[in-house]
Amino acid sequence: MTLRISAKNLGHLALPDACPRCFWIQTHCKLPYQIFPGIFSSIDAYTKKVIHLHLARTGSLPSWLAGFGDTGRPIPVPHHSKFVATHQETGVILTGVPDEMTSGDAGLWILDYKTAKFTGTQDSLLPVYRCQLNGYALIAETIHQKPVVGLGLVYMEPVTDIESADGLVDAEGFRMGFRAKVLPIERDRELVPVLLAKAKGIYDLPVPPAGREGCRDCGLLDGILACGITSPIPAARRTSTGQTAQQ
């Protein structure tokens, strides 16, 4: 089977504590208990709406994006089913959806919004984000046949250091502000191909490889396997009240 992977998931192989066994399992199995809070997607969508409405009203992007220089104007981001590229050397299909794409005279910019505190280069997930954005760049250049000249992270940092609730509370609830911090990311044309080759090498193994020594997730999995469950666990069913019960 052909490996199909998002640029963000590929980026986990760039982490210093990446585990090949965990990567093999994640790319071959649909894992349970994988929950991502929807509020972050809602905030990202809200951020894009604010920026585009500001552009429509003023004719320019928000001043806090000036840290990237001249990025041009926003262009439509392709649907996830179309924003894909096959890496010729490995045959791996790379996917993803950028938060924002802009186009100027020099070429394309790709931006990604992160609802998180800004920590600069000390962010433990920065290697993942570097791969994510460079992966988007590889896909964009394949589709648009136009160079990607800039990549950037936009941290939308919740403003929680307040001294007064004046103007924040109304009859429906309260408002929270966000402070924007921008971080340019280097365009690295070697990073993604190297990680794609590594990903394919692990994925093509007939059985999971040995895990990284000290891997916490491997330890948890080994603990489950050590329980010695040999018969199927009863599936959950819905009761008349909407609650779950064991069959």
Foldseek 3Di string as FASTA:
>chain_A
DAFEEELLLLLLVVAPQRKLLVLQCVRPDDDPPDDDDCVFVVVLVVVVVVQVVCCVVPVDGDPQVCVFPPQAAWDDWDDQVQLWDQDVVQRHIYTDTFSTWHADPQWIETEHEAAEDDDAPVPSCVSSVLSNQLSSQVSCCVVVVTHHDWYKYKYFYKPPPDDDQVPADDPVGGDIHTDIDMDTHDNDNPVNVVSSVVSSVSNPDPHRDDIDPPDPVVVVVVVVVVVVDDDDFFDWDADPVRDIDGD
